[in-house]
mmCIF file of all heavy atoms, coordinates in Angstrom:
data_MODEL
# 
_entry.id   MODEL 
# 
loop_
_atom_site.group_PDB 
_atom_site.id 
_atom_site.type_symbol 
_atom_site.label_atom_id 
_atom_site.label_alt_id 
_atom_site.label_comp_id 
_atom_site.label_asym_id 
_atom_site.label_entity_id 
_atom_site.label_seq_id 
_atom_site.pdbx_PDB_ins_code 
_atom_site.Cartn_x 
_atom_site.Cartn_y 
_atom_site.Cartn_z 
_atom_site.occupancy 
_atom_site.B_iso_or_equiv 
_atom_site.pdbx_formal_charge 
_atom_site.auth_seq_id 
_atom_site.auth_comp_id 
_atom_site.auth_asym_id 
_atom_site.auth_atom_id 
_atom_site.pdbx_PDB_model_num 
ATOM 1   N N   . HIS A 1 1  ? -5.423  9.419  11.333  1.00 0.00 ? 1  HIS A N   1 
ATOM 2   C CA  . HIS A 1 1  ? -4.196  9.787  10.627  1.00 0.00 ? 1  HIS A CA  1 
ATOM 3   C C   . HIS A 1 1  ? -3.842  11.264 10.749  1.00 0.00 ? 1  HIS A C   1 
ATOM 4   O O   . HIS A 1 1  ? -2.759  11.660 10.328  1.00 0.00 ? 1  HIS A O   1 
ATOM 5   C CB  . HIS A 1 1  ? -4.309  9.418  9.141   1.00 0.00 ? 1  HIS A CB  1 
ATOM 6   C CG  . HIS A 1 1  ? -4.405  7.944  8.889   1.00 0.00 ? 1  HIS A CG  1 
ATOM 7   N ND1 . HIS A 1 1  ? -3.313  7.106  8.937   1.00 0.00 ? 1  HIS A ND1 1 
ATOM 8   C CD2 . HIS A 1 1  ? -5.474  7.147  8.612   1.00 0.00 ? 1  HIS A CD2 1 
ATOM 9   C CE1 . HIS A 1 1  ? -3.698  5.863  8.690   1.00 0.00 ? 1  HIS A CE1 1 
ATOM 10  N NE2 . HIS A 1 1  ? -5.003  5.860  8.489   1.00 0.00 ? 1  HIS A NE2 1 
ATOM 11  N N   . GLY A 1 2  ? -4.748  12.069 11.296  1.00 0.00 ? 2  GLY A N   1 
ATOM 12  C CA  . GLY A 1 2  ? -4.480  13.494 11.414  1.00 0.00 ? 2  GLY A CA  1 
ATOM 13  C C   . GLY A 1 2  ? -4.788  14.239 10.124  1.00 0.00 ? 2  GLY A C   1 
ATOM 14  O O   . GLY A 1 2  ? -5.115  13.648 9.094   1.00 0.00 ? 2  GLY A O   1 
ATOM 15  N N   . ASP A 1 3  ? -4.659  15.558 10.188  1.00 0.00 ? 3  ASP A N   1 
ATOM 16  C CA  . ASP A 1 3  ? -4.985  16.400 9.037   1.00 0.00 ? 3  ASP A CA  1 
ATOM 17  C C   . ASP A 1 3  ? -3.977  16.275 7.901   1.00 0.00 ? 3  ASP A C   1 
ATOM 18  O O   . ASP A 1 3  ? -4.310  16.509 6.738   1.00 0.00 ? 3  ASP A O   1 
ATOM 19  C CB  . ASP A 1 3  ? -5.057  17.879 9.464   1.00 0.00 ? 3  ASP A CB  1 
ATOM 20  C CG  . ASP A 1 3  ? -6.218  18.139 10.410  1.00 0.00 ? 3  ASP A CG  1 
ATOM 21  O OD1 . ASP A 1 3  ? -7.265  17.486 10.246  1.00 0.00 ? 3  ASP A OD1 1 
ATOM 22  O OD2 . ASP A 1 3  ? -6.075  18.995 11.308  1.00 0.00 ? 3  ASP A OD2 1 
ATOM 23  N N   . ALA A 1 4  ? -2.739  15.929 8.231   1.00 0.00 ? 4  ALA A N   1 
ATOM 24  C CA  . ALA A 1 4  ? -1.662  15.973 7.235   1.00 0.00 ? 4  ALA A CA  1 
ATOM 25  C C   . ALA A 1 4  ? -1.934  15.074 6.034   1.00 0.00 ? 4  ALA A C   1 
ATOM 26  O O   . ALA A 1 4  ? -1.590  15.433 4.901   1.00 0.00 ? 4  ALA A O   1 
ATOM 27  C CB  . ALA A 1 4  ? -0.337  15.581 7.891   1.00 0.00 ? 4  ALA A CB  1 
ATOM 28  N N   . ASP A 1 5  ? -2.547  13.907 6.242   1.00 0.00 ? 5  ASP A N   1 
ATOM 29  C CA  . ASP A 1 5  ? -2.751  12.953 5.153   1.00 0.00 ? 5  ASP A CA  1 
ATOM 30  C C   . ASP A 1 5  ? -4.129  13.053 4.516   1.00 0.00 ? 5  ASP A C   1 
ATOM 31  O O   . ASP A 1 5  ? -4.430  12.330 3.566   1.00 0.00 ? 5  ASP A O   1 
ATOM 32  C CB  . ASP A 1 5  ? -2.555  11.521 5.667   1.00 0.00 ? 5  ASP A CB  1 
ATOM 33  C CG  . ASP A 1 5  ? -1.126  11.254 6.115   1.00 0.00 ? 5  ASP A CG  1 
ATOM 34  O OD1 . ASP A 1 5  ? -0.214  11.625 5.356   1.00 0.00 ? 5  ASP A OD1 1 
ATOM 35  O OD2 . ASP A 1 5  ? -0.937  10.684 7.195   1.00 0.00 ? 5  ASP A OD2 1 
ATOM 36  N N   . LEU A 1 6  ? -4.979  13.946 5.044   1.00 0.00 ? 6  LEU A N   1 
ATOM 37  C CA  . LEU A 1 6  ? -6.365  13.975 4.589   1.00 0.00 ? 6  LEU A CA  1 
ATOM 38  C C   . LEU A 1 6  ? -6.494  14.429 3.138   1.00 0.00 ? 6  LEU A C   1 
ATOM 39  O O   . LEU A 1 6  ? -7.174  13.775 2.337   1.00 0.00 ? 6  LEU A O   1 
ATOM 40  C CB  . LEU A 1 6  ? -7.194  14.883 5.498   1.00 0.00 ? 6  LEU A CB  1 
ATOM 41  C CG  . LEU A 1 6  ? -8.659  15.070 5.087   1.00 0.00 ? 6  LEU A CG  1 
ATOM 42  C CD1 . LEU A 1 6  ? -9.382  13.732 5.033   1.00 0.00 ? 6  LEU A CD1 1 
ATOM 43  C CD2 . LEU A 1 6  ? -9.352  16.020 6.061   1.00 0.00 ? 6  LEU A CD2 1 
ATOM 44  N N   . ASP A 1 7  ? -5.859  15.531 2.794   1.00 0.00 ? 7  ASP A N   1 
ATOM 45  C CA  . ASP A 1 7  ? -6.017  16.068 1.436   1.00 0.00 ? 7  ASP A CA  1 
ATOM 46  C C   . ASP A 1 7  ? -5.550  15.073 0.386   1.00 0.00 ? 7  ASP A C   1 
ATOM 47  O O   . ASP A 1 7  ? -6.198  14.891 -0.655  1.00 0.00 ? 7  ASP A O   1 
ATOM 48  C CB  . ASP A 1 7  ? -5.244  17.383 1.295   1.00 0.00 ? 7  ASP A CB  1 
ATOM 49  C CG  . ASP A 1 7  ? -5.894  18.522 2.061   1.00 0.00 ? 7  ASP A CG  1 
ATOM 50  O OD1 . ASP A 1 7  ? -7.075  18.377 2.444   1.00 0.00 ? 7  ASP A OD1 1 
ATOM 51  O OD2 . ASP A 1 7  ? -5.219  19.540 2.297   1.00 0.00 ? 7  ASP A OD2 1 
ATOM 52  N N   . GLU A 1 8  ? -4.420  14.431 0.661   1.00 0.00 ? 8  GLU A N   1 
ATOM 53  C CA  . GLU A 1 8  ? -3.883  13.465 -0.299  1.00 0.00 ? 8  GLU A CA  1 
ATOM 54  C C   . GLU A 1 8  ? -4.824  12.266 -0.447  1.00 0.00 ? 8  GLU A C   1 
ATOM 55  O O   . GLU A 1 8  ? -5.030  11.765 -1.556  1.00 0.00 ? 8  GLU A O   1 
ATOM 56  C CB  . GLU A 1 8  ? -2.503  12.995 0.155   1.00 0.00 ? 8  GLU A CB  1 
ATOM 57  C CG  . GLU A 1 8  ? -1.838  12.029 -0.815  1.00 0.00 ? 8  GLU A CG  1 
ATOM 58  C CD  . GLU A 1 8  ? -0.456  11.595 -0.357  1.00 0.00 ? 8  GLU A CD  1 
ATOM 59  O OE1 . GLU A 1 8  ? 0.082   12.220 0.565   1.00 0.00 ? 8  GLU A OE1 1 
ATOM 60  O OE2 . GLU A 1 8  ? 0.062   10.614 -0.935  1.00 0.00 ? 8  GLU A OE2 1 
ATOM 61  N N   . ALA A 1 9  ? -5.397  11.811 0.670   1.00 0.00 ? 9  ALA A N   1 
ATOM 62  C CA  . ALA A 1 9  ? -6.317  10.676 0.624   1.00 0.00 ? 9  ALA A CA  1 
ATOM 63  C C   . ALA A 1 9  ? -7.554  11.017 -0.200  1.00 0.00 ? 9  ALA A C   1 
ATOM 64  O O   . ALA A 1 9  ? -8.009  10.215 -1.024  1.00 0.00 ? 9  ALA A O   1 
ATOM 65  C CB  . ALA A 1 9  ? -6.720  10.278 2.042   1.00 0.00 ? 9  ALA A CB  1 
ATOM 66  N N   . GLU A 1 10 ? -8.092  12.210 0.000   1.00 0.00 ? 10 GLU A N   1 
ATOM 67  C CA  . GLU A 1 10 ? -9.288  12.615 -0.752  1.00 0.00 ? 10 GLU A CA  1 
ATOM 68  C C   . GLU A 1 10 ? -8.961  12.809 -2.221  1.00 0.00 ? 10 GLU A C   1 
ATOM 69  O O   . GLU A 1 10 ? -9.741  12.429 -3.108  1.00 0.00 ? 10 GLU A O   1 
ATOM 70  C CB  . GLU A 1 10 ? -9.873  13.888 -0.157  1.00 0.00 ? 10 GLU A CB  1 
ATOM 71  C CG  . GLU A 1 10 ? -11.212 14.264 -0.758  1.00 0.00 ? 10 GLU A CG  1 
ATOM 72  C CD  . GLU A 1 10 ? -11.942 15.339 0.031   1.00 0.00 ? 10 GLU A CD  1 
ATOM 73  O OE1 . GLU A 1 10 ? -11.348 15.911 0.970   1.00 0.00 ? 10 GLU A OE1 1 
ATOM 74  O OE2 . GLU A 1 10 ? -13.115 15.608 -0.302  1.00 0.00 ? 10 GLU A OE2 1 
ATOM 75  N N   . GLN A 1 11 ? -7.796  13.376 -2.512  1.00 0.00 ? 11 GLN A N   1 
ATOM 76  C CA  . GLN A 1 11 ? -7.391  13.577 -3.899  1.00 0.00 ? 11 GLN A CA  1 
ATOM 77  C C   . GLN A 1 11 ? -7.223  12.240 -4.613  1.00 0.00 ? 11 GLN A C   1 
ATOM 78  O O   . GLN A 1 11 ? -7.652  12.083 -5.764  1.00 0.00 ? 11 GLN A O   1 
ATOM 79  C CB  . GLN A 1 11 ? -6.072  14.359 -3.955  1.00 0.00 ? 11 GLN A CB  1 
ATOM 80  C CG  . GLN A 1 11 ? -5.581  14.633 -5.372  1.00 0.00 ? 11 GLN A CG  1 
ATOM 81  C CD  . GLN A 1 11 ? -4.263  15.405 -5.380  1.00 0.00 ? 11 GLN A CD  1 
ATOM 82  O OE1 . GLN A 1 11 ? -3.745  15.789 -4.340  1.00 0.00 ? 11 GLN A OE1 1 
ATOM 83  N NE2 . GLN A 1 11 ? -3.717  15.619 -6.564  1.00 0.00 ? 11 GLN A NE2 1 
ATOM 84  N N   . ARG A 1 12 ? -6.625  11.276 -3.932  1.00 0.00 ? 12 ARG A N   1 
ATOM 85  C CA  . ARG A 1 12 ? -6.442  9.954  -4.537  1.00 0.00 ? 12 ARG A CA  1 
ATOM 86  C C   . ARG A 1 12 ? -7.797  9.314  -4.823  1.00 0.00 ? 12 ARG A C   1 
ATOM 87  O O   . ARG A 1 12 ? -7.997  8.707  -5.888  1.00 0.00 ? 12 ARG A O   1 
ATOM 88  C CB  . ARG A 1 12 ? -5.627  9.062  -3.607  1.00 0.00 ? 12 ARG A CB  1 
ATOM 89  C CG  . ARG A 1 12 ? -5.350  7.679  -4.183  1.00 0.00 ? 12 ARG A CG  1 
ATOM 90  C CD  . ARG A 1 12 ? -4.625  6.815  -3.177  1.00 0.00 ? 12 ARG A CD  1 
ATOM 91  N NE  . ARG A 1 12 ? -4.435  5.455  -3.692  1.00 0.00 ? 12 ARG A NE  1 
ATOM 92  C CZ  . ARG A 1 12 ? -3.310  4.992  -4.202  1.00 0.00 ? 12 ARG A CZ  1 
ATOM 93  N NH1 . ARG A 1 12 ? -2.260  5.782  -4.280  1.00 0.00 ? 12 ARG A NH1 1 
ATOM 94  N NH2 . ARG A 1 12 ? -3.222  3.742  -4.628  1.00 0.00 ? 12 ARG A NH2 1 
ATOM 95  N N   . TYR A 1 13 ? -8.730  9.458  -3.884  1.00 0.00 ? 13 TYR A N   1 
ATOM 96  C CA  . TYR A 1 13 ? -10.068 8.908  -4.099  1.00 0.00 ? 13 TYR A CA  1 
ATOM 97  C C   . TYR A 1 13 ? -10.700 9.535  -5.339  1.00 0.00 ? 13 TYR A C   1 
ATOM 98  O O   . TYR A 1 13 ? -11.285 8.833  -6.180  1.00 0.00 ? 13 TYR A O   1 
ATOM 99  C CB  . TYR A 1 13 ? -10.952 9.154  -2.877  1.00 0.00 ? 13 TYR A CB  1 
ATOM 100 C CG  . TYR A 1 13 ? -12.397 8.765  -3.114  1.00 0.00 ? 13 TYR A CG  1 
ATOM 101 C CD1 . TYR A 1 13 ? -12.802 7.440  -3.038  1.00 0.00 ? 13 TYR A CD1 1 
ATOM 102 C CD2 . TYR A 1 13 ? -13.345 9.732  -3.480  1.00 0.00 ? 13 TYR A CD2 1 
ATOM 103 C CE1 . TYR A 1 13 ? -14.113 7.071  -3.296  1.00 0.00 ? 13 TYR A CE1 1 
ATOM 104 C CE2 . TYR A 1 13 ? -14.655 9.367  -3.734  1.00 0.00 ? 13 TYR A CE2 1 
ATOM 105 C CZ  . TYR A 1 13 ? -15.040 8.048  -3.646  1.00 0.00 ? 13 TYR A CZ  1 
ATOM 106 O OH  . TYR A 1 13 ? -16.340 7.688  -3.915  1.00 0.00 ? 13 TYR A OH  1 
ATOM 107 N N   . ASP A 1 14 ? -10.592 10.844 -5.483  1.00 0.00 ? 14 ASP A N   1 
ATOM 108 C CA  . ASP A 1 14 ? -11.197 11.531 -6.623  1.00 0.00 ? 14 ASP A CA  1 
ATOM 109 C C   . ASP A 1 14 ? -10.564 11.097 -7.939  1.00 0.00 ? 14 ASP A C   1 
ATOM 110 O O   . ASP A 1 14 ? -11.254 10.927 -8.952  1.00 0.00 ? 14 ASP A O   1 
ATOM 111 C CB  . ASP A 1 14 ? -11.064 13.048 -6.450  1.00 0.00 ? 14 ASP A CB  1 
ATOM 112 C CG  . ASP A 1 14 ? -11.975 13.592 -5.349  1.00 0.00 ? 14 ASP A CG  1 
ATOM 113 O OD1 . ASP A 1 14 ? -12.968 12.918 -5.027  1.00 0.00 ? 14 ASP A OD1 1 
ATOM 114 O OD2 . ASP A 1 14 ? -11.675 14.671 -4.810  1.00 0.00 ? 14 ASP A OD2 1 
ATOM 115 N N   . GLU A 1 15 ? -9.250  10.910 -7.940  1.00 0.00 ? 15 GLU A N   1 
ATOM 116 C CA  . GLU A 1 15 ? -8.566  10.479 -9.163  1.00 0.00 ? 15 GLU A CA  1 
ATOM 117 C C   . GLU A 1 15 ? -9.086  9.121  -9.623  1.00 0.00 ? 15 GLU A C   1 
ATOM 118 O O   . GLU A 1 15 ? -9.390  8.914  -10.794 1.00 0.00 ? 15 GLU A O   1 
ATOM 119 C CB  . GLU A 1 15 ? -7.057  10.394 -8.917  1.00 0.00 ? 15 GLU A CB  1 
ATOM 120 C CG  . GLU A 1 15 ? -6.362  11.741 -8.788  1.00 0.00 ? 15 GLU A CG  1 
ATOM 121 C CD  . GLU A 1 15 ? -4.894  11.578 -8.438  1.00 0.00 ? 15 GLU A CD  1 
ATOM 122 O OE1 . GLU A 1 15 ? -4.463  10.427 -8.206  1.00 0.00 ? 15 GLU A OE1 1 
ATOM 123 O OE2 . GLU A 1 15 ? -4.182  12.595 -8.368  1.00 0.00 ? 15 GLU A OE2 1 
ATOM 124 N N   . VAL A 1 16 ? -9.172  8.189  -8.674  1.00 0.00 ? 16 VAL A N   1 
ATOM 125 C CA  . VAL A 1 16 ? -9.625  6.840  -9.014  1.00 0.00 ? 16 VAL A CA  1 
ATOM 126 C C   . VAL A 1 16 ? -11.096 6.852  -9.409  1.00 0.00 ? 16 VAL A C   1 
ATOM 127 O O   . VAL A 1 16 ? -11.512 6.159  -10.347 1.00 0.00 ? 16 VAL A O   1 
ATOM 128 C CB  . VAL A 1 16 ? -9.384  5.886  -7.828  1.00 0.00 ? 16 VAL A CB  1 
ATOM 129 C CG1 . VAL A 1 16 ? -9.979  4.514  -8.118  1.00 0.00 ? 16 VAL A CG1 1 
ATOM 130 C CG2 . VAL A 1 16 ? -7.885  5.763  -7.558  1.00 0.00 ? 16 VAL A CG2 1 
ATOM 131 N N   . ALA A 1 17 ? -11.906 7.639  -8.714  1.00 0.00 ? 17 ALA A N   1 
ATOM 132 C CA  . ALA A 1 17 ? -13.337 7.706  -9.017  1.00 0.00 ? 17 ALA A CA  1 
ATOM 133 C C   . ALA A 1 17 ? -13.579 8.204  -10.443 1.00 0.00 ? 17 ALA A C   1 
ATOM 134 O O   . ALA A 1 17 ? -14.566 7.841  -11.083 1.00 0.00 ? 17 ALA A O   1 
ATOM 135 C CB  . ALA A 1 17 ? -14.046 8.612  -8.012  1.00 0.00 ? 17 ALA A CB  1 
ATOM 136 N N   . LYS A 1 18 ? -12.677 9.039  -10.930 1.00 0.00 ? 18 LYS A N   1 
ATOM 137 C CA  . LYS A 1 18 ? -12.803 9.564  -12.289 1.00 0.00 ? 18 LYS A CA  1 
ATOM 138 C C   . LYS A 1 18 ? -12.141 8.670  -13.325 1.00 0.00 ? 18 LYS A C   1 
ATOM 139 O O   . LYS A 1 18 ? -12.062 9.019  -14.508 1.00 0.00 ? 18 LYS A O   1 
ATOM 140 C CB  . LYS A 1 18 ? -12.184 10.963 -12.359 1.00 0.00 ? 18 LYS A CB  1 
ATOM 141 C CG  . LYS A 1 18 ? -12.925 12.005 -11.518 1.00 0.00 ? 18 LYS A CG  1 
ATOM 142 C CD  . LYS A 1 18 ? -12.192 13.331 -11.528 1.00 0.00 ? 18 LYS A CD  1 
ATOM 143 C CE  . LYS A 1 18 ? -12.896 14.363 -10.652 1.00 0.00 ? 18 LYS A CE  1 
ATOM 144 N NZ  . LYS A 1 18 ? -12.138 15.644 -10.589 1.00 0.00 ? 18 LYS A NZ  1 
ATOM 145 N N   . GLY A 1 19 ? -11.656 7.513  -12.872 1.00 0.00 ? 19 GLY A N   1 
ATOM 146 C CA  . GLY A 1 19 ? -11.038 6.581  -13.815 1.00 0.00 ? 19 GLY A CA  1 
ATOM 147 C C   . GLY A 1 19 ? -9.559  6.799  -14.004 1.00 0.00 ? 19 GLY A C   1 
ATOM 148 O O   . GLY A 1 19 ? -8.935  6.173  -14.864 1.00 0.00 ? 19 GLY A O   1 
ATOM 149 N N   . GLY A 1 20 ? -8.956  7.675  -13.218 1.00 0.00 ? 20 GLY A N   1 
ATOM 150 C CA  . GLY A 1 20 ? -7.531  7.944  -13.341 1.00 0.00 ? 20 GLY A CA  1 
ATOM 151 C C   . GLY A 1 20 ? -6.695  6.952  -12.565 1.00 0.00 ? 20 GLY A C   1 
ATOM 152 O O   . GLY A 1 20 ? -7.198  6.115  -11.821 1.00 0.00 ? 20 GLY A O   1 
ATOM 153 N N   . ILE A 1 21 ? -5.383  7.060  -12.750 1.00 0.00 ? 21 ILE A N   1 
ATOM 154 C CA  . ILE A 1 21 ? -4.432  6.209  -12.046 1.00 0.00 ? 21 ILE A CA  1 
ATOM 155 C C   . ILE A 1 21 ? -3.604  7.095  -11.128 1.00 0.00 ? 21 ILE A C   1 
ATOM 156 O O   . ILE A 1 21 ? -2.990  8.063  -11.600 1.00 0.00 ? 21 ILE A O   1 
ATOM 157 C CB  . ILE A 1 21 ? -3.515  5.457  -13.037 1.00 0.00 ? 21 ILE A CB  1 
ATOM 158 C CG1 . ILE A 1 21 ? -4.353  4.546  -13.942 1.00 0.00 ? 21 ILE A CG1 1 
ATOM 159 C CG2 . ILE A 1 21 ? -2.466  4.643  -12.281 1.00 0.00 ? 21 ILE A CG2 1 
ATOM 160 C CD1 . ILE A 1 21 ? -3.549  3.872  -15.035 1.00 0.00 ? 21 ILE A CD1 1 
ATOM 161 N N   . PRO A 1 22 ? -3.563  6.823  -9.844  1.00 0.00 ? 22 PRO A N   1 
ATOM 162 C CA  . PRO A 1 22 ? -2.781  7.653  -8.925  1.00 0.00 ? 22 PRO A CA  1 
ATOM 163 C C   . PRO A 1 22 ? -1.307  7.668  -9.306  1.00 0.00 ? 22 PRO A C   1 
ATOM 164 O O   . PRO A 1 22 ? -0.787  6.732  -9.917  1.00 0.00 ? 22 PRO A O   1 
ATOM 165 C CB  . PRO A 1 22 ? -2.993  6.975  -7.570  1.00 0.00 ? 22 PRO A CB  1 
ATOM 166 C CG  . PRO A 1 22 ? -4.234  6.161  -7.739  1.00 0.00 ? 22 PRO A CG  1 
ATOM 167 C CD  . PRO A 1 22 ? -4.251  5.735  -9.173  1.00 0.00 ? 22 PRO A CD  1 
ATOM 168 N N   . ASP A 1 23 ? -0.622  8.736  -8.919  1.00 0.00 ? 23 ASP A N   1 
ATOM 169 C CA  . ASP A 1 23 ? 0.797   8.871  -9.254  1.00 0.00 ? 23 ASP A CA  1 
ATOM 170 C C   . ASP A 1 23 ? 1.688   7.969  -8.397  1.00 0.00 ? 23 ASP A C   1 
ATOM 171 O O   . ASP A 1 23 ? 2.759   7.555  -8.834  1.00 0.00 ? 23 ASP A O   1 
ATOM 172 C CB  . ASP A 1 23 ? 1.246   10.326 -9.066  1.00 0.00 ? 23 ASP A CB  1 
ATOM 173 C CG  . ASP A 1 23 ? 0.563   11.261 -10.058 1.00 0.00 ? 23 ASP A CG  1 
ATOM 174 O OD1 . ASP A 1 23 ? 0.237   10.815 -11.175 1.00 0.00 ? 23 ASP A OD1 1 
ATOM 175 O OD2 . ASP A 1 23 ? 0.350   12.440 -9.699  1.00 0.00 ? 23 ASP A OD2 1 
ATOM 176 N N   . ASP A 1 24 ? 1.247   7.677  -7.182  1.00 0.00 ? 24 ASP A N   1 
ATOM 177 C CA  . ASP A 1 24 ? 2.124   7.012  -6.219  1.00 0.00 ? 24 ASP A CA  1 
ATOM 178 C C   . ASP A 1 24 ? 1.813   5.523  -6.057  1.00 0.00 ? 24 ASP A C   1 
ATOM 179 O O   . ASP A 1 24 ? 1.868   4.987  -4.954  1.00 0.00 ? 24 ASP A O   1 
ATOM 180 C CB  . ASP A 1 24 ? 2.031   7.694  -4.855  1.00 0.00 ? 24 ASP A CB  1 
ATOM 181 C CG  . ASP A 1 24 ? 0.614   7.654  -4.286  1.00 0.00 ? 24 ASP A CG  1 
ATOM 182 O OD1 . ASP A 1 24 ? -0.320  7.420  -5.071  1.00 0.00 ? 24 ASP A OD1 1 
ATOM 183 O OD2 . ASP A 1 24 ? 0.459   7.854  -3.065  1.00 0.00 ? 24 ASP A OD2 1 
# 
């Protein structure tokens, strides 16, 4: 997917891992 989507993918993983709900 390239670098552009990496940060968002990792952030979404962290949100869910902490029990949160992603914004998107």
